[in-house]
Amino acid sequence: MPLLETDLPDLLHRGKVRDTYNLGDGLLLMVATDRISAFDVVLPNGIPDKGFILSRMSRFWFDQIGHIVPHHLIGLADDPDALGALASHEKISSLPSEIARQSMIVKRAERIDVECVVRAYLTGSALVDYNETGTVFGIPMPAGLVDGSKFPELLFTPTTKAEIGHDEPMAMEEVAALIGADLAQQLRDLSFAVFTQAHSLAAKNGIIIADTKFEFGIRDGEVILIDEVLTPDSSRFWEGSGYAPGKSQPNYDKQFVRDWLLTQDWDRTPPAPELPDEIVNKTRERYFEAYRRITGQALA
């Protein structure tokens, strides 16, 4: 059964997918549930094992990019070797196994309320905007691009971090006005650096990372990477061997769910339609395959 809800002491925040709890001493328990959202709406049924995969995918990427930017991950809740003395923490050691297997123990940070989106290819909402305006959220683009076209250079298209409703695009000038010009530039540079490293690694395993989103926070005066990172929920992972601009690309991410929803008579406001078993099972398989292809290891 998918884990859709958690009910632990000291809840700090319940997001679309993650439930975050205060462990004290500057630490948080971040539970990746099996909830799935699309078009900023949480769907009524989840994807079994999704949170298990997301947590482990994030751990893999945090390990790969720690030399570029510090991050908040201490360890997975079911990994005593990574946690060290924290493994005996009362609130961690007492976790039910079905929650511990898809939870991260992280350092608490002050979240920066900007979603940092990096795009290498034209698709999704960027494609919609390009077809309507000839730009990507105000950034001039060459004529003649199609679904799946590679951009001449990486794009940074930040958005607001909406608690309710849809995230809205922000120009760099708006980001600078919100958090300061120096910090805005730092987020852009770090986002590009992490994406470039990840894109190169995934490409060696036949996966194209088309776009992704990062979140950052401040801890002890330092910018750190927080939340999940480079998962099938937050990124588009395309099959490299099947890449061909001009169509929807074969993928290992949430786009499969979005594509099904687009065939339904639904206006993208709650309540969302329930996913049929076939879509649930195929999405689960795609997430497992994304992990296997990118990390080189299969999850049991």
C-alpha atoms as a PDB file:
ATOM      1  CA  MET A   1       0.000   0.000   0.000  1.00  0.00           C
ATOM      2  CA  PRO A   2       1.291   3.500  -0.752  1.00  0.00           C
ATOM      3  CA  LEU A   3       2.210   5.734   2.182  1.00  0.00           C
ATOM      4  CA  LEU A   4      -0.059   8.743   1.700  1.00  0.00           C
ATOM      5  CA  GLU A   5      -0.217  10.217   5.211  1.00  0.00           C
ATOM      6  CA  THR A   6       2.040  10.341   8.247  1.00  0.00           C
ATOM      7  CA  ASP A   7       1.060  11.254  11.775  1.00  0.00           C
ATOM      8  CA  LEU A   8       4.132  11.827  13.920  1.00  0.00           C
ATOM      9  CA  PRO A   9       4.783  14.357  16.696  1.00  0.00           C
ATOM     10  CA  ASP A  10       6.069  17.862  15.944  1.00  0.00           C
ATOM     11  CA  LEU A  11       4.865  18.320  12.376  1.00  0.00           C
ATOM     12  CA  LEU A  12       6.387  21.460  10.869  1.00  0.00           C
ATOM     13  CA  HIS A  13       5.092  21.357   7.322  1.00  0.00           C
ATOM     14  CA  ARG A  14       3.017  19.134   5.062  1.00  0.00           C
ATOM     15  CA  GLY A  15       3.768  19.764   1.407  1.00  0.00           C
ATOM     16  CA  LYS A  16       2.465  18.181  -1.759  1.00  0.00           C
ATOM     17  CA  VAL A  17       4.753  15.169  -1.265  1.00  0.00           C
ATOM     18  CA  ARG A  18       6.858  15.680   1.872  1.00  0.00           C
ATOM     19  CA  ASP A  19       5.906  15.735   5.538  1.00  0.00           C
ATOM     20  CA  THR A  20       8.563  17.489   7.622  1.00  0.00           C
ATOM     21  CA  TYR A  21       8.955  17.053  11.379  1.00  0.00           C
ATOM     22  CA  ASN A  22      11.101  18.877  13.924  1.00  0.00           C
ATOM     23  CA  LEU A  23      13.629  16.623  15.666  1.00  0.00           C
ATOM     24  CA  GLY A  24      15.127  19.452  17.723  1.00  0.00           C
ATOM     25  CA  ASP A  25      18.784  20.503  17.838  1.00  0.00           C
ATOM     26  CA  GLY A  26      18.581  21.990  14.344  1.00  0.00           C
ATOM     27  CA  LEU A  27      17.516  18.720  12.725  1.00  0.00           C
ATOM     28  CA  LEU A  28      14.482  17.708  10.682  1.00  0.00           C
ATOM     29  CA  LEU A  29      12.870  14.448   9.650  1.00  0.00           C
ATOM     30  CA  MET A  30      11.772  14.765   6.016  1.00  0.00           C
ATOM     31  CA  VAL A  31       9.396  12.005   4.944  1.00  0.00           C
ATOM     32  CA  ALA A  32       8.914  11.508   1.210  1.00  0.00           C
ATOM     33  CA  THR A  33       5.407  10.073   1.026  1.00  0.00           C
ATOM     34  CA  ASP A  34       3.989   8.238  -1.969  1.00  0.00           C
ATOM     35  CA  ARG A  35       1.711  11.148  -2.822  1.00  0.00           C
ATOM     36  CA  ILE A  36       2.084  12.448  -6.338  1.00  0.00           C
ATOM     37  CA  SER A  37       1.160  15.876  -7.665  1.00  0.00           C
ATOM     38  CA  ALA A  38       0.703  17.162 -11.188  1.00  0.00           C
ATOM     39  CA  PHE A  39      -0.056  20.692 -12.330  1.00  0.00           C
ATOM     40  CA  ASP A  40       0.376  21.669  -8.646  1.00  0.00           C
ATOM     41  CA  VAL A  41      -2.526  19.448  -7.530  1.00  0.00           C
ATOM     42  CA  VAL A  42      -2.090  16.375  -5.312  1.00  0.00           C
ATOM     43  CA  LEU A  43      -3.747  13.359  -6.911  1.00  0.00           C
ATOM     44  CA  PRO A  44      -6.115  11.194  -4.861  1.00  0.00           C
ATOM     45  CA  ASN A  45      -4.034   8.013  -5.079  1.00  0.00           C
ATOM     46  CA  GLY A  46      -0.292   7.602  -4.828  1.00  0.00           C
ATOM     47  CA  ILE A  47       2.519   5.587  -6.404  1.00  0.00           C
ATOM     48  CA  PRO A  48       3.749   2.704  -4.181  1.00  0.00           C
ATOM     49  CA  ASP A  49       7.472   2.947  -3.292  1.00  0.00           C
ATOM     50  CA  LYS A  50       7.776   6.434  -4.793  1.00  0.00           C
ATOM     51  CA  GLY A  51       9.025   8.020  -1.566  1.00  0.00           C
ATOM     52  CA  PHE A  52      11.482   5.145  -1.106  1.00  0.00           C
ATOM     53  CA  ILE A  53      12.939   5.861  -4.549  1.00  0.00           C
ATOM     54  CA  LEU A  54      12.962   9.653  -4.168  1.00  0.00           C
ATOM     55  CA  SER A  55      14.877   9.539  -0.892  1.00  0.00           C
ATOM     56  CA  ARG A  56      17.520   7.228  -2.301  1.00  0.00           C
ATOM     57  CA  MET A  57      17.806   9.138  -5.548  1.00  0.00           C
ATOM     58  CA  SER A  58      18.336  12.348  -3.586  1.00  0.00           C
ATOM     59  CA  ARG A  59      21.022  10.670  -1.465  1.00  0.00           C
ATOM     60  CA  PHE A  60      22.833   9.547  -4.619  1.00  0.00           C
ATOM     61  CA  TRP A  61      22.864  13.050  -6.069  1.00  0.00           C
ATOM     62  CA  PHE A  62      23.800  14.766  -2.809  1.00  0.00           C
ATOM     63  CA  ASP A  63      26.840  12.474  -2.730  1.00  0.00           C
ATOM     64  CA  GLN A  64      27.721  13.438  -6.317  1.00  0.00           C
ATOM     65  CA  ILE A  65      27.464  17.213  -5.958  1.00  0.00           C
ATOM     66  CA  GLY A  66      28.615  17.840  -2.394  1.00  0.00           C
ATOM     67  CA  HIS A  67      31.878  19.304  -3.687  1.00  0.00           C
ATOM     68  CA  ILE A  68      29.941  21.974  -5.610  1.00  0.00           C
ATOM     69  CA  VAL A  69      27.557  23.153  -2.903  1.00  0.00           C
ATOM     70  CA  PRO A  70      26.976  22.000   0.698  1.00  0.00           C
ATOM     71  CA  HIS A  71      23.629  20.343   1.368  1.00  0.00           C
ATOM     72  CA  HIS A  72      21.308  19.477   4.199  1.00  0.00           C
ATOM     73  CA  LEU A  73      21.395  15.669   4.105  1.00  0.00           C
ATOM     74  CA  ILE A  74      22.876  13.836   7.079  1.00  0.00           C
ATOM     75  CA  GLY A  75      21.592  10.395   6.138  1.00  0.00           C
ATOM     76  CA  LEU A  76      18.561   8.266   5.431  1.00  0.00           C
ATOM     77  CA  ALA A  77      16.559   7.384   8.516  1.00  0.00           C
ATOM     78  CA  ASP A  78      17.206   3.663   7.994  1.00  0.00           C
ATOM     79  CA  ASP A  79      20.970   4.063   7.462  1.00  0.00           C
ATOM     80  CA  PRO A  80      22.631   3.844  10.896  1.00  0.00           C
ATOM     81  CA  ASP A  81      26.112   3.992   9.397  1.00  0.00           C
ATOM     82  CA  ALA A  82      25.438   7.423   7.910  1.00  0.00           C
ATOM     83  CA  LEU A  83      23.621   8.683  11.005  1.00  0.00           C
ATOM     84  CA  GLY A  84      26.202   7.574  13.545  1.00  0.00           C
ATOM     85  CA  ALA A  85      25.122   8.520  17.068  1.00  0.00           C
ATOM     86  CA  LEU A  86      21.889   9.997  15.698  1.00  0.00           C
ATOM     87  CA  ALA A  87      20.686   6.469  14.902  1.00  0.00           C
ATOM     88  CA  SER A  88      19.853   6.058  18.595  1.00  0.00           C
ATOM     89  CA  HIS A  89      17.886   9.329  18.723  1.00  0.00           C
ATOM     90  CA  GLU A  90      14.523   8.455  20.276  1.00  0.00           C
ATOM     91  CA  LYS A  91      12.463   9.958  17.448  1.00  0.00           C
ATOM     92  CA  ILE A  92      14.558   8.210  14.791  1.00  0.00           C
ATOM     93  CA  SER A  93      15.030   4.770  16.329  1.00  0.00           C
ATOM     94  CA  SER A  94      11.300   4.529  17.071  1.00  0.00           C
ATOM     95  CA  LEU A  95      10.191   5.255  13.497  1.00  0.00           C
ATOM     96  CA  PRO A  96       8.034   2.565  11.873  1.00  0.00           C
ATOM     97  CA  SER A  97      10.064   0.809   9.181  1.00  0.00           C
ATOM     98  CA  GLU A  98       7.609   1.839   6.448  1.00  0.00           C
ATOM     99  CA  ILE A  99       8.335   5.499   7.270  1.00  0.00           C
ATOM    100  CA  ALA A 100      12.074   5.183   7.992  1.00  0.00           C
ATOM    101  CA  ARG A 101      12.724   3.593   4.573  1.00  0.00           C
ATOM    102  CA  GLN A 102      11.624   6.756   2.786  1.00  0.00           C
ATOM    103  CA  SER A 103      12.819   9.463   5.148  1.00  0.00           C
ATOM    104  CA  MET A 104      15.870  11.705   5.300  1.00  0.00           C
ATOM    105  CA  ILE A 105      17.451  13.225   8.395  1.00  0.00           C
ATOM    106  CA  VAL A 106      18.515  16.723   7.410  1.00  0.00           C
ATOM    107  CA  LYS A 107      19.936  19.917   8.840  1.00  0.00           C
ATOM    108  CA  ARG A 108      17.388  22.647   9.367  1.00  0.00           C
ATOM    109  CA  ALA A 109      17.862  25.755   7.215  1.00  0.00           C
ATOM    110  CA  GLU A 110      16.015  28.962   6.459  1.00  0.00           C
ATOM    111  CA  ARG A 111      14.422  28.292   3.088  1.00  0.00           C
ATOM    112  CA  ILE A 112      14.947  30.819   0.297  1.00  0.00           C
ATOM    113  CA  ASP A 113      11.509  31.305  -1.236  1.00  0.00           C
ATOM    114  CA  VAL A 114      12.572  30.913  -4.855  1.00  0.00           C
ATOM    115  CA  GLU A 115      12.303  27.727  -6.886  1.00  0.00           C
ATOM    116  CA  CYS A 116      15.430  27.523  -9.035  1.00  0.00           C
ATOM    117  CA  VAL A 117      14.516  25.954 -12.373  1.00  0.00           C
ATOM    118  CA  VAL A 118      17.216  25.036 -14.891  1.00  0.00           C
ATOM    119  CA  ARG A 119      16.229  24.105 -18.449  1.00  0.00           C
ATOM    120  CA  ALA A 120      18.421  22.584 -21.147  1.00  0.00           C
ATOM    121  CA  TYR A 121      15.643  21.617 -23.562  1.00  0.00           C
ATOM    122  CA  LEU A 122      12.360  23.141 -24.693  1.00  0.00           C
ATOM    123  CA  THR A 123       9.336  21.268 -23.329  1.00  0.00           C
ATOM    124  CA  GLY A 124       6.502  21.510 -20.832  1.00  0.00           C
ATOM    125  CA  SER A 125       5.398  24.966 -19.743  1.00  0.00           C
ATOM    126  CA  ALA A 126       8.409  26.498 -21.519  1.00  0.00           C
ATOM    127  CA  LEU A 127       7.134  25.073 -24.811  1.00  0.00           C
ATOM    128  CA  VAL A 128       3.679  26.495 -24.185  1.00  0.00           C
ATOM    129  CA  ASP A 129       5.155  29.940 -23.527  1.00  0.00           C
ATOM    130  CA  TYR A 130       7.469  29.727 -26.544  1.00  0.00           C
ATOM    131  CA  ASN A 131       4.609  28.796 -28.877  1.00  0.00           C
ATOM    132  CA  GLU A 132       2.551  31.726 -27.586  1.00  0.00           C
ATOM    133  CA  THR A 133       5.234  34.423 -27.311  1.00  0.00           C
ATOM    134  CA  GLY A 134       8.398  33.281 -29.073  1.00  0.00           C
ATOM    135  CA  THR A 135      10.222  33.598 -25.758  1.00  0.00           C
ATOM    136  CA  VAL A 136      10.698  31.379 -22.715  1.00  0.00           C
ATOM    137  CA  PHE A 137       9.325  33.372 -19.802  1.00  0.00           C
ATOM    138  CA  GLY A 138      10.634  36.580 -21.322  1.00  0.00           C
ATOM    139  CA  ILE A 139      13.990  35.185 -22.471  1.00  0.00           C
ATOM    140  CA  PRO A 140      14.414  35.678 -26.257  1.00  0.00           C
ATOM    141  CA  MET A 141      14.733  32.436 -28.231  1.00  0.00           C
ATOM    142  CA  PRO A 142      15.607  31.538 -31.840  1.00  0.00           C
ATOM    143  CA  ALA A 143      12.706  30.898 -34.206  1.00  0.00           C
ATOM    144  CA  GLY A 144      11.795  27.403 -35.320  1.00  0.00           C
ATOM    145  CA  LEU A 145      12.287  25.499 -32.063  1.00  0.00           C
ATOM    146  CA  VAL A 146      10.079  22.455 -31.436  1.00  0.00           C
ATOM    147  CA  ASP A 147       9.228  20.190 -28.519  1.00  0.00           C
ATOM    148  CA  GLY A 148      12.519  18.726 -27.339  1.00  0.00           C
ATOM    149  CA  SER A 149      14.839  21.263 -29.003  1.00  0.00           C
ATOM    150  CA  LYS A 150      18.042  21.865 -27.098  1.00  0.00           C
ATOM    151  CA  PHE A 151      18.544  25.461 -26.024  1.00  0.00           C
ATOM    152  CA  PRO A 152      21.666  27.288 -27.236  1.00  0.00           C
ATOM    153  CA  GLU A 153      22.639  27.593 -23.555  1.00  0.00           C
ATOM    154  CA  LEU A 154      21.216  26.671 -20.160  1.00  0.00           C
ATOM    155  CA  LEU A 155      18.246  28.751 -19.034  1.00  0.00           C
ATOM    156  CA  PHE A 156      17.533  29.828 -15.460  1.00  0.00           C
ATOM    157  CA  THR A 157      13.772  30.310 -15.127  1.00  0.00           C
ATOM    158  CA  PRO A 158      13.027  30.735 -11.402  1.00  0.00           C
ATOM    159  CA  THR A 159       9.521  30.695  -9.992  1.00  0.00           C
ATOM    160  CA  THR A 160       7.771  31.698  -6.824  1.00  0.00           C
ATOM    161  CA  LYS A 161       7.441  29.067  -4.113  1.00  0.00           C
ATOM    162  CA  ALA A 162       3.676  28.919  -3.711  1.00  0.00           C
ATOM    163  CA  GLU A 163       2.169  27.123  -0.717  1.00  0.00           C
ATOM    164  CA  ILE A 164      -1.214  27.054  -2.437  1.00  0.00           C
ATOM    165  CA  GLY A 165      -1.915  27.162  -6.164  1.00  0.00           C
ATOM    166  CA  HIS A 166       0.593  27.491  -8.970  1.00  0.00           C
ATOM    167  CA  ASP A 167       4.204  28.651  -8.842  1.00  0.00           C
ATOM    168  CA  GLU A 168       4.592  31.764 -11.007  1.00  0.00           C
ATOM    169  CA  PRO A 169       7.593  32.615 -13.228  1.00  0.00           C
ATOM    170  CA  MET A 170       9.984  35.299 -11.956  1.00  0.00           C
ATOM    171  CA  ALA A 171      12.433  37.449 -13.875  1.00  0.00           C
ATOM    172  CA  MET A 172      15.950  37.708 -12.449  1.00  0.00           C
ATOM    173  CA  GLU A 173      15.177  41.321 -11.588  1.00  0.00           C
ATOM    174  CA  GLU A 174      12.273  40.138  -9.438  1.00  0.00           C
ATOM    175  CA  VAL A 175      14.438  37.536  -7.724  1.00  0.00           C
ATOM    176  CA  ALA A 176      17.060  40.195  -7.033  1.00  0.00           C
ATOM    177  CA  ALA A 177      14.425  42.512  -5.585  1.00  0.00           C
ATOM    178  CA  LEU A 178      13.205  39.717  -3.319  1.00  0.00           C
ATOM    179  CA  ILE A 179      16.489  38.311  -1.995  1.00  0.00           C
ATOM    180  CA  GLY A 180      19.219  40.696  -3.206  1.00  0.00           C
ATOM    181  CA  ALA A 181      21.228  40.774  -6.419  1.00  0.00           C
ATOM    182  CA  ASP A 182      24.282  38.940  -5.046  1.00  0.00           C
ATOM    183  CA  LEU A 183      22.259  36.039  -3.654  1.00  0.00           C
ATOM    184  CA  ALA A 184      20.168  35.827  -6.820  1.00  0.00           C
ATOM    185  CA  GLN A 185      23.332  35.511  -8.910  1.00  0.00           C
ATOM    186  CA  GLN A 186      24.744  32.934  -6.500  1.00  0.00           C
ATOM    187  CA  LEU A 187      21.620  30.767  -6.810  1.00  0.00           C
ATOM    188  CA  ARG A 188      21.797  30.963 -10.592  1.00  0.00           C
ATOM    189  CA  ASP A 189      25.491  30.025 -10.670  1.00  0.00           C
ATOM    190  CA  LEU A 190      25.081  27.141  -8.217  1.00  0.00           C
ATOM    191  CA  SER A 191      22.039  25.829 -10.081  1.00  0.00           C
ATOM    192  CA  PHE A 192      23.957  25.820 -13.355  1.00  0.00           C
ATOM    193  CA  ALA A 193      26.988  24.141 -11.770  1.00  0.00           C
ATOM    194  CA  VAL A 194      24.963  21.342 -10.172  1.00  0.00           C
ATOM    195  CA  PHE A 195      22.894  20.796 -13.314  1.00  0.00           C
ATOM    196  CA  THR A 196      25.976  20.637 -15.541  1.00  0.00           C
ATOM    197  CA  GLN A 197      27.593  18.006 -13.315  1.00  0.00           C
ATOM    198  CA  ALA A 198      24.398  15.941 -13.125  1.00  0.00           C
ATOM    199  CA  HIS A 199      23.659  16.228 -16.857  1.00  0.00           C
ATOM    200  CA  SER A 200      27.146  14.953 -17.686  1.00  0.00           C
ATOM    201  CA  LEU A 201      26.918  11.990 -15.314  1.00  0.00           C
ATOM    202  CA  ALA A 202      23.434  10.972 -16.471  1.00  0.00           C
ATOM    203  CA  ALA A 203      24.434  11.244 -20.132  1.00  0.00           C
ATOM    204  CA  LYS A 204      27.117   8.614 -19.585  1.00  0.00           C
ATOM    205  CA  ASN A 205      24.294   6.263 -18.611  1.00  0.00           C
ATOM    206  CA  GLY A 206      22.109   7.134 -21.592  1.00  0.00           C
ATOM    207  CA  ILE A 207      19.779   9.516 -19.763  1.00  0.00           C
ATOM    208  CA  ILE A 208      19.163  13.149 -20.766  1.00  0.00           C
ATOM    209  CA  ILE A 209      18.208  15.506 -17.943  1.00  0.00           C
ATOM    210  CA  ALA A 210      16.015  17.987 -19.780  1.00  0.00           C
ATOM    211  CA  ASP A 211      15.253  20.238 -16.823  1.00  0.00           C
ATOM    212  CA  THR A 212      15.052  20.232 -13.050  1.00  0.00           C
ATOM    213  CA  LYS A 213      14.342  22.439 -10.062  1.00  0.00           C
ATOM    214  CA  PHE A 214      16.422  23.111  -6.978  1.00  0.00           C
ATOM    215  CA  GLU A 215      15.694  24.636  -3.611  1.00  0.00           C
ATOM    216  CA  PHE A 216      18.242  26.385  -1.430  1.00  0.00           C
ATOM    217  CA  GLY A 217      18.364  27.565   2.140  1.00  0.00           C
ATOM    218  CA  ILE A 218      20.626  29.472   4.499  1.00  0.00           C
ATOM    219  CA  ARG A 219      22.295  27.726   7.416  1.00  0.00           C
ATOM    220  CA  ASP A 220      24.935  29.429   9.564  1.00  0.00           C
ATOM    221  CA  GLY A 221      25.180  32.199   6.974  1.00  0.00           C
ATOM    222  CA  GLU A 222      25.935  29.746   4.147  1.00  0.00           C
ATOM    223  CA  VAL A 223      23.843  28.814   1.110  1.00  0.00           C
ATOM    224  CA  ILE A 224      23.047  25.089   1.078  1.00  0.00           C
ATOM    225  CA  LEU A 225      21.030  22.815  -1.203  1.00  0.00           C
ATOM    226  CA  ILE A 226      17.866  21.521   0.475  1.00  0.00           C
ATOM    227  CA  ASP A 227      14.729  19.440  -0.185  1.00  0.00           C
ATOM    228  CA  GLU A 228      14.975  16.693  -2.821  1.00  0.00           C
ATOM    229  CA  VAL A 229      17.407  16.891  -5.708  1.00  0.00           C
ATOM    230  CA  LEU A 230      17.313  15.556  -9.278  1.00  0.00           C
ATOM    231  CA  THR A 231      14.515  13.029  -8.778  1.00  0.00           C
ATOM    232  CA  PRO A 232      11.854  11.876 -11.266  1.00  0.00           C
ATOM    233  CA  ASP A 233       9.457  14.175  -9.400  1.00  0.00           C
ATOM    234  CA  SER A 234      11.561  17.304  -9.797  1.00  0.00           C
ATOM    235  CA  SER A 235      13.228  16.586 -13.161  1.00  0.00           C
ATOM    236  CA  ARG A 236      12.581  15.361 -16.667  1.00  0.00           C
ATOM    237  CA  PHE A 237      14.650  12.276 -17.469  1.00  0.00           C
ATOM    238  CA  TRP A 238      14.628  11.317 -21.141  1.00  0.00           C
ATOM    239  CA  GLU A 239      15.834   8.147 -22.822  1.00  0.00           C
ATOM    240  CA  GLY A 240      18.916   9.266 -24.725  1.00  0.00           C
ATOM    241  CA  SER A 241      18.695   6.624 -27.436  1.00  0.00           C
ATOM    242  CA  GLY A 242      15.121   7.657 -28.297  1.00  0.00           C
ATOM    243  CA  TYR A 243      15.714  11.413 -28.287  1.00  0.00           C
ATOM    244  CA  ALA A 244      14.204  13.120 -31.332  1.00  0.00           C
ATOM    245  CA  PRO A 245      13.027  16.754 -31.286  1.00  0.00           C
ATOM    246  CA  GLY A 246       9.524  17.412 -32.486  1.00  0.00           C
ATOM    247  CA  LYS A 247       7.629  15.045 -30.210  1.00  0.00           C
ATOM    248  CA  SER A 248       7.180  14.005 -26.604  1.00  0.00           C
ATOM    249  CA  GLN A 249      10.335  12.146 -25.561  1.00  0.00           C
ATOM    250  CA  PRO A 250      10.434   8.649 -24.025  1.00  0.00           C
ATOM    251  CA  ASN A 251      10.872   9.358 -20.334  1.00  0.00           C
ATOM    252  CA  TYR A 252      11.427   8.040 -16.822  1.00  0.00           C
ATOM    253  CA  ASP A 253       9.642  10.703 -14.817  1.00  0.00           C
ATOM    254  CA  LYS A 254       6.303  12.242 -13.868  1.00  0.00           C
ATOM    255  CA  GLN A 255       5.529  13.283 -17.441  1.00  0.00           C
ATOM    256  CA  PHE A 256       3.853   9.915 -17.958  1.00  0.00           C
ATOM    257  CA  VAL A 257       1.239  10.924 -15.354  1.00  0.00           C
ATOM    258  CA  ARG A 258       0.858  14.417 -16.831  1.00  0.00           C
ATOM    259  CA  ASP A 259       0.306  12.954 -20.302  1.00  0.00           C
ATOM    260  CA  TRP A 260      -2.506  10.729 -19.013  1.00  0.00           C
ATOM    261  CA  LEU A 261      -4.121  13.620 -17.157  1.00  0.00           C
ATOM    262  CA  LEU A 262      -4.112  15.692 -20.359  1.00  0.00           C
ATOM    263  CA  THR A 263      -6.378  13.076 -21.920  1.00  0.00           C
ATOM    264  CA  GLN A 264      -8.951  13.568 -19.162  1.00  0.00           C
ATOM    265  CA  ASP A 265     -11.746  16.107 -18.872  1.00  0.00           C
ATOM    266  CA  TRP A 266     -10.065  17.970 -16.013  1.00  0.00           C
ATOM    267  CA  ASP A 267      -9.429  21.702 -15.548  1.00  0.00           C
ATOM    268  CA  ARG A 268      -6.284  21.307 -13.385  1.00  0.00           C
ATOM    269  CA  THR A 269      -8.061  22.336 -10.173  1.00  0.00           C
ATOM    270  CA  PRO A 270      -8.872  20.034  -7.240  1.00  0.00           C
ATOM    271  CA  PRO A 271     -10.153  17.426  -7.097  1.00  0.00           C
ATOM    272  CA  ALA A 272      -7.953  15.613  -9.598  1.00  0.00           C
ATOM    273  CA  PRO A 273      -9.055  12.354 -11.231  1.00  0.00           C
ATOM    274  CA  GLU A 274      -7.863   9.098  -9.701  1.00  0.00           C
ATOM    275  CA  LEU A 275      -5.071   7.339 -11.572  1.00  0.00           C
ATOM    276  CA  PRO A 276      -6.004   3.926 -12.982  1.00  0.00           C
ATOM    277  CA  ASP A 277      -3.943   0.928 -11.839  1.00  0.00           C
ATOM    278  CA  GLU A 278      -2.166   0.687 -15.183  1.00  0.00           C
ATOM    279  CA  ILE A 279      -0.867   4.259 -14.927  1.00  0.00           C
ATOM    280  CA  VAL A 280       0.140   3.756 -11.277  1.00  0.00           C
ATOM    281  CA  ASN A 281       2.075   0.567 -12.056  1.00  0.00           C
ATOM    282  CA  LYS A 282       3.812   1.966 -15.134  1.00  0.00           C
ATOM    283  CA  THR A 283       4.801   5.144 -13.255  1.00  0.00           C
ATOM    284  CA  ARG A 284       6.257   3.046 -10.443  1.00  0.00           C
ATOM    285  CA  GLU A 285       8.252   1.027 -12.988  1.00  0.00           C
ATOM    286  CA  ARG A 286       9.585   4.220 -14.594  1.00  0.00           C
ATOM    287  CA  TYR A 287      10.783   5.573 -11.252  1.00  0.00           C
ATOM    288  CA  PHE A 288      12.604   2.338 -10.424  1.00  0.00           C
ATOM    289  CA  GLU A 289      14.151   2.326 -13.898  1.00  0.00           C
ATOM    290  CA  ALA A 290      15.274   5.955 -13.536  1.00  0.00           C
ATOM    291  CA  TYR A 291      17.150   5.034 -10.365  1.00  0.00           C
ATOM    292  CA  ARG A 292      18.715   1.948 -11.935  1.00  0.00           C
ATOM    293  CA  ARG A 293      19.807   3.728 -15.092  1.00  0.00           C
ATOM    294  CA  ILE A 294      21.271   6.769 -13.373  1.00  0.00           C
ATOM    295  CA  THR A 295      22.955   5.102 -10.398  1.00  0.00           C
ATOM    296  CA  GLY A 296      23.857   1.780 -11.989  1.00  0.00           C
ATOM    297  CA  GLN A 297      22.213  -0.083  -9.123  1.00  0.00           C
ATOM    298  CA  ALA A 298      18.786  -1.674  -8.804  1.00  0.00           C
ATOM    299  CA  LEU A 299      16.586  -1.072  -5.778  1.00  0.00           C
ATOM    300  CA  ALA A 300      15.003  -4.135  -4.201  1.00  0.00           C
END
